[in-house]
């Protein structure tokens, strides 16, 4: 009876402001039969370094994070900071 564990990025979504949501699944199998699956999720913003991400995540980020998207995100951050200072 052999247990195997593997991980795979099974979902990458782009939401408002170019934020990318990534989900990694950890899949456990016994003799090739599915036993369990757990998930780990994280978000990436257009101002983050993505060099440590898997290549397919980098490819999507590089395609989605156009100069316009990056600028919109920076504008959003500046507006939020101004609101915080004004409160």
C-alpha atoms as a PDB file:
ATOM      1  CA  UNK A   1       0.000   0.000   0.000  1.00  0.00           C
ATOM      2  CA  UNK A   2       1.809   3.115  -1.265  1.00  0.00           C
ATOM      3  CA  UNK A   3       0.826   6.625  -0.307  1.00  0.00           C
ATOM      4  CA  UNK A   4       1.838   9.404  -2.653  1.00  0.00           C
ATOM      5  CA  UNK A   5       1.597  13.140  -2.249  1.00  0.00           C
ATOM      6  CA  UNK A   6       1.808  15.702  -5.017  1.00  0.00           C
ATOM      7  CA  UNK A   7       1.143  19.411  -5.301  1.00  0.00           C
ATOM      8  CA  UNK A   8      -0.146  21.400  -8.235  1.00  0.00           C
ATOM      9  CA  UNK A   9      -1.324  24.897  -8.867  1.00  0.00           C
ATOM     10  CA  UNK A  10      -4.895  24.221  -9.882  1.00  0.00           C
ATOM     11  CA  UNK A  11      -6.421  27.685  -9.953  1.00  0.00           C
ATOM     12  CA  UNK A  12      -5.181  31.129 -10.946  1.00  0.00           C
ATOM     13  CA  UNK A  13      -7.692  33.969 -11.013  1.00  0.00           C
ATOM     14  CA  UNK A  14      -7.316  37.649 -11.820  1.00  0.00           C
ATOM     15  CA  UNK A  15      -9.650  39.911  -9.860  1.00  0.00           C
ATOM     16  CA  UNK A  16     -10.079  43.659  -9.402  1.00  0.00           C
ATOM     17  CA  UNK A  17      -7.010  45.867  -9.748  1.00  0.00           C
ATOM     18  CA  UNK A  18      -5.029  43.030 -11.320  1.00  0.00           C
ATOM     19  CA  UNK A  19      -4.760  41.107  -8.067  1.00  0.00           C
ATOM     20  CA  UNK A  20      -3.982  37.459  -8.784  1.00  0.00           C
ATOM     21  CA  UNK A  21      -5.361  34.725  -6.555  1.00  0.00           C
ATOM     22  CA  UNK A  22      -3.419  31.459  -6.658  1.00  0.00           C
ATOM     23  CA  UNK A  23      -4.483  28.098  -5.250  1.00  0.00           C
ATOM     24  CA  UNK A  24      -2.159  25.143  -4.736  1.00  0.00           C
ATOM     25  CA  UNK A  25      -3.692  21.717  -4.125  1.00  0.00           C
ATOM     26  CA  UNK A  26      -1.922  19.002  -2.164  1.00  0.00           C
ATOM     27  CA  UNK A  27      -3.278  15.658  -3.308  1.00  0.00           C
ATOM     28  CA  UNK A  28      -2.845  12.405  -1.385  1.00  0.00           C
ATOM     29  CA  UNK A  29      -3.384   9.098  -3.173  1.00  0.00           C
ATOM     30  CA  UNK A  30      -3.167   5.493  -1.986  1.00  0.00           C
ATOM     31  CA  UNK A  31      -2.237   3.029  -4.705  1.00  0.00           C
ATOM     32  CA  UNK A  32      -3.370   5.554  -7.325  1.00  0.00           C
ATOM     33  CA  UNK A  33      -6.753   6.135  -5.668  1.00  0.00           C
ATOM     34  CA  UNK A  34      -7.685   9.588  -4.394  1.00  0.00           C
ATOM     35  CA  UNK A  35      -7.597   9.934  -0.588  1.00  0.00           C
ATOM     36  CA  UNK A  36      -7.643  13.660   0.161  1.00  0.00           C
ATOM     37  CA  UNK A  37      -7.003  17.137  -1.162  1.00  0.00           C
ATOM     38  CA  UNK A  38      -6.115  20.273   0.769  1.00  0.00           C
ATOM     39  CA  UNK A  39      -5.599  23.803  -0.485  1.00  0.00           C
ATOM     40  CA  UNK A  40      -3.273  26.687   0.177  1.00  0.00           C
ATOM     41  CA  UNK A  41      -4.180  30.086  -1.263  1.00  0.00           C
ATOM     42  CA  UNK A  42      -2.362  33.368  -1.646  1.00  0.00           C
ATOM     43  CA  UNK A  43      -2.705  36.651  -3.509  1.00  0.00           C
ATOM     44  CA  UNK A  44      -0.236  38.627  -5.562  1.00  0.00           C
ATOM     45  CA  UNK A  45      -0.504  42.340  -6.232  1.00  0.00           C
ATOM     46  CA  UNK A  46       0.908  44.203  -9.245  1.00  0.00           C
ATOM     47  CA  UNK A  47       3.645  45.772  -7.103  1.00  0.00           C
ATOM     48  CA  UNK A  48       5.045  42.443  -5.843  1.00  0.00           C
ATOM     49  CA  UNK A  49       8.171  40.569  -6.870  1.00  0.00           C
ATOM     50  CA  UNK A  50       6.997  37.327  -8.489  1.00  0.00           C
ATOM     51  CA  UNK A  51      10.398  35.810  -9.239  1.00  0.00           C
ATOM     52  CA  UNK A  52       9.841  33.034  -6.666  1.00  0.00           C
ATOM     53  CA  UNK A  53       6.490  31.977  -8.158  1.00  0.00           C
ATOM     54  CA  UNK A  54       6.027  29.007 -10.490  1.00  0.00           C
ATOM     55  CA  UNK A  55       6.543  29.846 -14.139  1.00  0.00           C
ATOM     56  CA  UNK A  56       2.868  29.600 -15.103  1.00  0.00           C
ATOM     57  CA  UNK A  57       1.975  32.118 -12.368  1.00  0.00           C
ATOM     58  CA  UNK A  58       4.734  34.432 -13.597  1.00  0.00           C
ATOM     59  CA  UNK A  59       3.503  34.121 -17.182  1.00  0.00           C
ATOM     60  CA  UNK A  60      -0.039  35.081 -16.223  1.00  0.00           C
ATOM     61  CA  UNK A  61       1.134  37.958 -14.037  1.00  0.00           C
ATOM     62  CA  UNK A  62       3.390  39.319 -16.763  1.00  0.00           C
ATOM     63  CA  UNK A  63       0.510  39.203 -19.250  1.00  0.00           C
ATOM     64  CA  UNK A  64      -2.065  40.704 -16.870  1.00  0.00           C
ATOM     65  CA  UNK A  65       0.054  43.384 -15.241  1.00  0.00           C
ATOM     66  CA  UNK A  66       0.217  45.846 -18.080  1.00  0.00           C
ATOM     67  CA  UNK A  67       1.554  49.345 -17.357  1.00  0.00           C
ATOM     68  CA  UNK A  68      -2.071  50.548 -17.138  1.00  0.00           C
ATOM     69  CA  UNK A  69      -2.969  47.875 -14.556  1.00  0.00           C
ATOM     70  CA  UNK A  70       0.141  48.658 -12.513  1.00  0.00           C
ATOM     71  CA  UNK A  71      -0.696  52.373 -12.578  1.00  0.00           C
ATOM     72  CA  UNK A  72      -4.310  51.737 -11.550  1.00  0.00           C
ATOM     73  CA  UNK A  73      -3.077  49.688  -8.600  1.00  0.00           C
ATOM     74  CA  UNK A  74      -0.624  52.404  -7.545  1.00  0.00           C
ATOM     75  CA  UNK A  75      -3.412  54.994  -7.795  1.00  0.00           C
ATOM     76  CA  UNK A  76      -5.646  52.802  -5.641  1.00  0.00           C
ATOM     77  CA  UNK A  77      -2.922  52.446  -2.999  1.00  0.00           C
ATOM     78  CA  UNK A  78      -2.350  56.216  -2.952  1.00  0.00           C
ATOM     79  CA  UNK A  79      -6.088  56.873  -2.565  1.00  0.00           C
ATOM     80  CA  UNK A  80      -6.316  54.399   0.305  1.00  0.00           C
ATOM     81  CA  UNK A  81      -3.314  55.991   2.035  1.00  0.00           C
ATOM     82  CA  UNK A  82      -4.873  59.450   1.631  1.00  0.00           C
ATOM     83  CA  UNK A  83      -8.150  58.218   3.138  1.00  0.00           C
ATOM     84  CA  UNK A  84      -6.293  56.719   6.078  1.00  0.00           C
ATOM     85  CA  UNK A  85      -4.457  59.987   6.735  1.00  0.00           C
ATOM     86  CA  UNK A  86      -7.681  61.957   6.437  1.00  0.00           C
ATOM     87  CA  UNK A  87      -9.591  59.769   8.895  1.00  0.00           C
END
